[in-house]
Amino acid sequence: MGKIKSALELAMEKIQNLNVSEDEIEKMEYVSKGRAVGARFLDNGEFSFEKEFSAHPERVRPYLSEGAQETLLNNILLPESEEVIRTNKKAMEGIMQLKEDQGAAGEVMSQIEHLFHYYAQALQHTLNETRNNFMAKKEQFINALKQQYGGQVQGIEQIAFRDEWQRAKKSLNAQYEPLLQEQKQKIRQIK
């Protein structure tokens, strides 16, 4: 009867069949570890990338940095709430710690902050506009719902407004998200 192989042995066979070099395997391993380091940075108030990276050989530190940077960039989002704003700030601080070219990184971070400022203004404007449009149509909308549901419209007003607001916000985000992604790509290209 044949030998039963462990999951590790099966995985190693697959990797060998893919013709992946040991360097590529090492890179994948340390980029993954770097992602975890980035997550710990976001969770921990007192954290040092330098201290964390010094526990690893010099040759893999760029991979750790790449992974940490990806985690941080993935956590920079359009600022829809105070929690997101705090996370953005922490992630941007982390990216600045990782970058050698502080001038170029600082310039892109400044552009991201400007983008966030304009987004916040547009978000508030969109909320006001959505609210005003909803109020103007509210009576007509409520009457239509009463006819459709036989007068049972309690709570429907909030749900309807929330739906309108989500549609308006989705449209706004579709305008700003590509701009944010463009800035993130600039960050990836900075040493």
C-alpha atoms as a PDB file:
ATOM      1  CA  MET A   1       0.000   0.000   0.000  1.00  0.00           C
ATOM      2  CA  GLY A   2       1.260   3.506  -0.782  1.00  0.00           C
ATOM      3  CA  LYS A   3       2.522   5.963   1.781  1.00  0.00           C
ATOM      4  CA  ILE A   4      -0.025   8.478   3.075  1.00  0.00           C
ATOM      5  CA  LYS A   5       1.371  11.971   2.595  1.00  0.00           C
ATOM      6  CA  SER A   6       0.998  14.852   4.997  1.00  0.00           C
ATOM      7  CA  ALA A   7      -0.584  18.108   3.958  1.00  0.00           C
ATOM      8  CA  LEU A   8       2.850  19.741   4.059  1.00  0.00           C
ATOM      9  CA  GLU A   9       4.320  17.099   1.729  1.00  0.00           C
ATOM     10  CA  LEU A  10       1.422  17.548  -0.691  1.00  0.00           C
ATOM     11  CA  ALA A  11       1.816  21.328  -0.603  1.00  0.00           C
ATOM     12  CA  MET A  12       5.560  21.074  -1.198  1.00  0.00           C
ATOM     13  CA  GLU A  13       4.962  18.765  -4.206  1.00  0.00           C
ATOM     14  CA  LYS A  14       2.511  21.261  -5.677  1.00  0.00           C
ATOM     15  CA  ILE A  15       4.978  24.102  -5.164  1.00  0.00           C
ATOM     16  CA  GLN A  16       7.735  22.104  -6.855  1.00  0.00           C
ATOM     17  CA  ASN A  17       5.416  21.369  -9.779  1.00  0.00           C
ATOM     18  CA  LEU A  18       4.737  25.102 -10.166  1.00  0.00           C
ATOM     19  CA  ASN A  19       8.447  25.780 -10.664  1.00  0.00           C
ATOM     20  CA  VAL A  20       8.505  28.407  -7.940  1.00  0.00           C
ATOM     21  CA  SER A  21      11.998  29.310  -6.832  1.00  0.00           C
ATOM     22  CA  GLU A  22      13.070  29.217  -3.203  1.00  0.00           C
ATOM     23  CA  ASP A  23      13.474  33.002  -3.327  1.00  0.00           C
ATOM     24  CA  GLU A  24       9.860  33.401  -4.450  1.00  0.00           C
ATOM     25  CA  ILE A  25       8.689  31.062  -1.702  1.00  0.00           C
ATOM     26  CA  GLU A  26      10.704  33.052   0.842  1.00  0.00           C
ATOM     27  CA  LYS A  27       9.235  36.292  -0.481  1.00  0.00           C
ATOM     28  CA  MET A  28       5.666  34.968  -0.202  1.00  0.00           C
ATOM     29  CA  GLU A  29       6.353  33.782   3.353  1.00  0.00           C
ATOM     30  CA  TYR A  30       7.805  37.089   4.543  1.00  0.00           C
ATOM     31  CA  VAL A  31       5.297  39.290   2.728  1.00  0.00           C
ATOM     32  CA  SER A  32       2.621  37.319   4.563  1.00  0.00           C
ATOM     33  CA  LYS A  33       4.445  37.824   7.876  1.00  0.00           C
ATOM     34  CA  GLY A  34       4.739  41.515   7.006  1.00  0.00           C
ATOM     35  CA  ARG A  35       0.968  41.750   6.566  1.00  0.00           C
ATOM     36  CA  ALA A  36       0.573  40.413  10.098  1.00  0.00           C
ATOM     37  CA  VAL A  37       3.117  42.966  11.330  1.00  0.00           C
ATOM     38  CA  GLY A  38       1.073  45.738   9.673  1.00  0.00           C
ATOM     39  CA  ALA A  39      -2.064  44.493  11.415  1.00  0.00           C
ATOM     40  CA  ARG A  40      -0.284  44.457  14.788  1.00  0.00           C
ATOM     41  CA  PHE A  41       0.866  48.023  14.155  1.00  0.00           C
ATOM     42  CA  LEU A  42      -2.738  49.123  13.637  1.00  0.00           C
ATOM     43  CA  ASP A  43      -3.838  47.342  16.810  1.00  0.00           C
ATOM     44  CA  ASN A  44      -0.958  48.403  19.042  1.00  0.00           C
ATOM     45  CA  GLY A  45      -0.343  51.960  20.235  1.00  0.00           C
ATOM     46  CA  GLU A  46       3.337  51.410  21.035  1.00  0.00           C
ATOM     47  CA  PHE A  47       4.924  49.626  18.110  1.00  0.00           C
ATOM     48  CA  SER A  48       8.220  49.778  16.278  1.00  0.00           C
ATOM     49  CA  PHE A  49       8.669  48.362  12.804  1.00  0.00           C
ATOM     50  CA  GLU A  50      12.408  48.625  13.271  1.00  0.00           C
ATOM     51  CA  LYS A  51      12.289  46.461  16.391  1.00  0.00           C
ATOM     52  CA  GLU A  52       9.918  43.979  14.744  1.00  0.00           C
ATOM     53  CA  PHE A  53      11.983  43.730  11.553  1.00  0.00           C
ATOM     54  CA  SER A  54      15.328  43.430  13.379  1.00  0.00           C
ATOM     55  CA  ALA A  55      14.320  39.933  14.515  1.00  0.00           C
ATOM     56  CA  HIS A  56      14.593  38.795  10.872  1.00  0.00           C
ATOM     57  CA  PRO A  57      17.531  38.539   8.448  1.00  0.00           C
ATOM     58  CA  GLU A  58      18.374  41.710   6.512  1.00  0.00           C
ATOM     59  CA  ARG A  59      17.571  40.095   3.146  1.00  0.00           C
ATOM     60  CA  VAL A  60      13.881  39.510   4.050  1.00  0.00           C
ATOM     61  CA  ARG A  61      13.170  42.919   5.591  1.00  0.00           C
ATOM     62  CA  PRO A  62      12.038  44.450   2.285  1.00  0.00           C
ATOM     63  CA  TYR A  63       9.439  41.659   2.038  1.00  0.00           C
ATOM     64  CA  LEU A  64       8.262  42.334   5.578  1.00  0.00           C
ATOM     65  CA  SER A  65       7.985  46.023   4.740  1.00  0.00           C
ATOM     66  CA  GLU A  66       6.063  45.268   1.536  1.00  0.00           C
ATOM     67  CA  GLY A  67       3.556  43.115   3.414  1.00  0.00           C
ATOM     68  CA  ALA A  68       3.132  45.639   6.241  1.00  0.00           C
ATOM     69  CA  GLN A  69       2.637  48.429   3.701  1.00  0.00           C
ATOM     70  CA  GLU A  70      -0.086  46.466   1.881  1.00  0.00           C
ATOM     71  CA  THR A  71      -1.978  45.912   5.134  1.00  0.00           C
ATOM     72  CA  LEU A  72      -1.696  49.596   5.986  1.00  0.00           C
ATOM     73  CA  LEU A  73      -2.776  50.705   2.502  1.00  0.00           C
ATOM     74  CA  ASN A  74      -5.734  48.317   2.578  1.00  0.00           C
ATOM     75  CA  ASN A  75      -6.853  50.005   5.794  1.00  0.00           C
ATOM     76  CA  ILE A  76      -6.855  53.502   4.311  1.00  0.00           C
ATOM     77  CA  LEU A  77     -10.458  54.096   3.316  1.00  0.00           C
ATOM     78  CA  LEU A  78     -12.678  57.011   2.417  1.00  0.00           C
ATOM     79  CA  PRO A  79     -13.417  58.691   5.767  1.00  0.00           C
ATOM     80  CA  GLU A  80     -17.081  57.914   6.379  1.00  0.00           C
ATOM     81  CA  SER A  81     -16.801  57.767  10.176  1.00  0.00           C
ATOM     82  CA  GLU A  82     -14.602  58.840  13.082  1.00  0.00           C
ATOM     83  CA  GLU A  83     -13.333  55.274  13.468  1.00  0.00           C
ATOM     84  CA  VAL A  84     -12.218  55.195   9.832  1.00  0.00           C
ATOM     85  CA  ILE A  85     -10.523  58.576  10.275  1.00  0.00           C
ATOM     86  CA  ARG A  86      -8.546  57.233  13.270  1.00  0.00           C
ATOM     87  CA  THR A  87      -7.556  54.092  11.374  1.00  0.00           C
ATOM     88  CA  ASN A  88      -6.526  56.158   8.338  1.00  0.00           C
ATOM     89  CA  LYS A  89      -4.326  58.363  10.499  1.00  0.00           C
ATOM     90  CA  LYS A  90      -2.643  55.374  12.150  1.00  0.00           C
ATOM     91  CA  ALA A  91      -2.115  53.602   8.806  1.00  0.00           C
ATOM     92  CA  MET A  92      -0.634  56.740   7.257  1.00  0.00           C
ATOM     93  CA  GLU A  93       1.729  57.127  10.229  1.00  0.00           C
ATOM     94  CA  GLY A  94       2.831  53.531   9.721  1.00  0.00           C
ATOM     95  CA  ILE A  95       3.480  54.047   6.035  1.00  0.00           C
ATOM     96  CA  MET A  96       5.605  57.084   6.827  1.00  0.00           C
ATOM     97  CA  GLN A  97       7.679  54.945   9.210  1.00  0.00           C
ATOM     98  CA  LEU A  98       8.268  52.388   6.453  1.00  0.00           C
ATOM     99  CA  LYS A  99       9.314  54.807   3.706  1.00  0.00           C
ATOM    100  CA  GLU A 100      12.892  55.891   3.108  1.00  0.00           C
ATOM    101  CA  ASP A 101      11.932  58.828   0.871  1.00  0.00           C
ATOM    102  CA  GLN A 102      10.088  60.841   3.498  1.00  0.00           C
ATOM    103  CA  GLY A 103       9.677  63.859   1.221  1.00  0.00           C
ATOM    104  CA  ALA A 104       7.904  61.989  -1.563  1.00  0.00           C
ATOM    105  CA  ALA A 105       5.831  59.945   0.899  1.00  0.00           C
ATOM    106  CA  GLY A 106       4.872  63.087   2.815  1.00  0.00           C
ATOM    107  CA  GLU A 107       3.767  64.778  -0.388  1.00  0.00           C
ATOM    108  CA  VAL A 108       1.464  61.892  -1.341  1.00  0.00           C
ATOM    109  CA  MET A 109       0.111  61.703   2.221  1.00  0.00           C
ATOM    110  CA  SER A 110      -0.683  65.399   1.980  1.00  0.00           C
ATOM    111  CA  GLN A 111      -2.540  64.767  -1.280  1.00  0.00           C
ATOM    112  CA  ILE A 112      -4.506  61.971   0.416  1.00  0.00           C
ATOM    113  CA  GLU A 113      -5.396  64.302   3.300  1.00  0.00           C
ATOM    114  CA  HIS A 114      -6.634  66.907   0.793  1.00  0.00           C
ATOM    115  CA  LEU A 115      -8.664  64.232  -0.960  1.00  0.00           C
ATOM    116  CA  PHE A 116     -10.192  63.252   2.393  1.00  0.00           C
ATOM    117  CA  HIS A 117     -11.011  66.886   3.142  1.00  0.00           C
ATOM    118  CA  TYR A 118     -12.822  67.294  -0.186  1.00  0.00           C
ATOM    119  CA  TYR A 119     -14.545  63.960   0.312  1.00  0.00           C
ATOM    120  CA  ALA A 120     -15.817  65.005   3.753  1.00  0.00           C
ATOM    121  CA  GLN A 121     -17.221  68.206   2.281  1.00  0.00           C
ATOM    122  CA  ALA A 122     -18.838  66.328  -0.593  1.00  0.00           C
ATOM    123  CA  LEU A 123     -20.225  63.727   1.825  1.00  0.00           C
ATOM    124  CA  GLN A 124     -21.867  66.415   3.953  1.00  0.00           C
ATOM    125  CA  HIS A 125     -23.230  68.152   0.849  1.00  0.00           C
ATOM    126  CA  THR A 126     -24.572  64.838  -0.468  1.00  0.00           C
ATOM    127  CA  LEU A 127     -26.232  64.090   2.872  1.00  0.00           C
ATOM    128  CA  ASN A 128     -27.922  67.494   2.924  1.00  0.00           C
ATOM    129  CA  GLU A 129     -29.021  67.176  -0.691  1.00  0.00           C
ATOM    130  CA  THR A 130     -30.359  63.657  -0.113  1.00  0.00           C
ATOM    131  CA  ARG A 131     -32.220  64.793   2.985  1.00  0.00           C
ATOM    132  CA  ASN A 132     -33.759  67.782   1.179  1.00  0.00           C
ATOM    133  CA  ASN A 133     -34.784  65.692  -1.828  1.00  0.00           C
ATOM    134  CA  PHE A 134     -36.247  63.032   0.423  1.00  0.00           C
ATOM    135  CA  MET A 135     -38.234  65.577   2.446  1.00  0.00           C
ATOM    136  CA  ALA A 136     -39.596  67.090  -0.757  1.00  0.00           C
ATOM    137  CA  LYS A 137     -40.778  63.681  -1.962  1.00  0.00           C
ATOM    138  CA  LYS A 138     -41.641  62.292   1.466  1.00  0.00           C
ATOM    139  CA  GLU A 139     -45.375  62.981   1.440  1.00  0.00           C
ATOM    140  CA  GLN A 140     -45.811  61.497  -2.011  1.00  0.00           C
ATOM    141  CA  PHE A 141     -43.655  58.522  -1.035  1.00  0.00           C
ATOM    142  CA  ILE A 142     -45.530  57.867   2.236  1.00  0.00           C
ATOM    143  CA  ASN A 143     -48.901  57.995   0.447  1.00  0.00           C
ATOM    144  CA  ALA A 144     -47.677  55.476  -2.135  1.00  0.00           C
ATOM    145  CA  LEU A 145     -46.472  53.175   0.632  1.00  0.00           C
ATOM    146  CA  LYS A 146     -49.779  53.481   2.507  1.00  0.00           C
ATOM    147  CA  GLN A 147     -51.644  52.408  -0.614  1.00  0.00           C
ATOM    148  CA  GLN A 148     -49.229  49.551  -1.239  1.00  0.00           C
ATOM    149  CA  TYR A 149     -49.172  48.245   2.357  1.00  0.00           C
ATOM    150  CA  GLY A 150     -52.617  49.270   3.529  1.00  0.00           C
ATOM    151  CA  GLY A 151     -51.569  52.087   5.861  1.00  0.00           C
ATOM    152  CA  GLN A 152     -48.858  50.075   7.666  1.00  0.00           C
ATOM    153  CA  VAL A 153     -45.854  52.379   7.099  1.00  0.00           C
ATOM    154  CA  GLN A 154     -44.404  52.759  10.580  1.00  0.00           C
ATOM    155  CA  GLY A 155     -40.603  52.820  10.370  1.00  0.00           C
ATOM    156  CA  ILE A 156     -40.649  52.707   6.588  1.00  0.00           C
ATOM    157  CA  GLU A 157     -39.672  56.363   6.390  1.00  0.00           C
ATOM    158  CA  GLN A 158     -36.305  55.753   8.099  1.00  0.00           C
ATOM    159  CA  ILE A 159     -35.635  52.682   6.008  1.00  0.00           C
ATOM    160  CA  ALA A 160     -36.488  54.541   2.814  1.00  0.00           C
ATOM    161  CA  PHE A 161     -34.223  57.452   3.742  1.00  0.00           C
ATOM    162  CA  ARG A 162     -31.397  55.082   4.663  1.00  0.00           C
ATOM    163  CA  ASP A 163     -31.745  53.391   1.279  1.00  0.00           C
ATOM    164  CA  GLU A 164     -31.679  56.735  -0.539  1.00  0.00           C
ATOM    165  CA  TRP A 165     -28.644  57.826   1.502  1.00  0.00           C
ATOM    166  CA  GLN A 166     -26.791  54.573   0.788  1.00  0.00           C
ATOM    167  CA  ARG A 167     -27.412  54.969  -2.963  1.00  0.00           C
ATOM    168  CA  ALA A 168     -26.194  58.585  -2.895  1.00  0.00           C
ATOM    169  CA  LYS A 169     -23.115  57.655  -0.844  1.00  0.00           C
ATOM    170  CA  LYS A 170     -22.306  54.750  -3.166  1.00  0.00           C
ATOM    171  CA  SER A 171     -22.402  57.134  -6.111  1.00  0.00           C
ATOM    172  CA  LEU A 172     -20.130  59.599  -4.304  1.00  0.00           C
ATOM    173  CA  ASN A 173     -17.703  56.846  -3.325  1.00  0.00           C
ATOM    174  CA  ALA A 174     -17.544  55.689  -6.942  1.00  0.00           C
ATOM    175  CA  GLN A 175     -16.165  59.145  -7.800  1.00  0.00           C
ATOM    176  CA  TYR A 176     -13.595  59.300  -4.990  1.00  0.00           C
ATOM    177  CA  GLU A 177     -12.428  55.691  -4.694  1.00  0.00           C
ATOM    178  CA  PRO A 178     -10.410  55.710  -7.971  1.00  0.00           C
ATOM    179  CA  LEU A 179      -8.649  58.882  -6.805  1.00  0.00           C
ATOM    180  CA  LEU A 180      -7.725  57.214  -3.517  1.00  0.00           C
ATOM    181  CA  GLN A 181      -6.500  54.103  -5.348  1.00  0.00           C
ATOM    182  CA  GLU A 182      -4.329  56.309  -7.553  1.00  0.00           C
ATOM    183  CA  GLN A 183      -2.693  57.844  -4.471  1.00  0.00           C
ATOM    184  CA  LYS A 184      -2.154  54.398  -2.939  1.00  0.00           C
ATOM    185  CA  GLN A 185      -0.420  53.315  -6.129  1.00  0.00           C
ATOM    186  CA  LYS A 186       1.892  56.324  -5.856  1.00  0.00           C
ATOM    187  CA  ILE A 187       2.748  55.237  -2.305  1.00  0.00           C
ATOM    188  CA  ARG A 188       3.638  51.726  -3.519  1.00  0.00           C
ATOM    189  CA  GLN A 189       6.134  53.219  -5.970  1.00  0.00           C
ATOM    190  CA  ILE A 190       7.987  55.268  -3.346  1.00  0.00           C
ATOM    191  CA  LYS A 191      11.053  53.675  -1.821  1.00  0.00           C
END
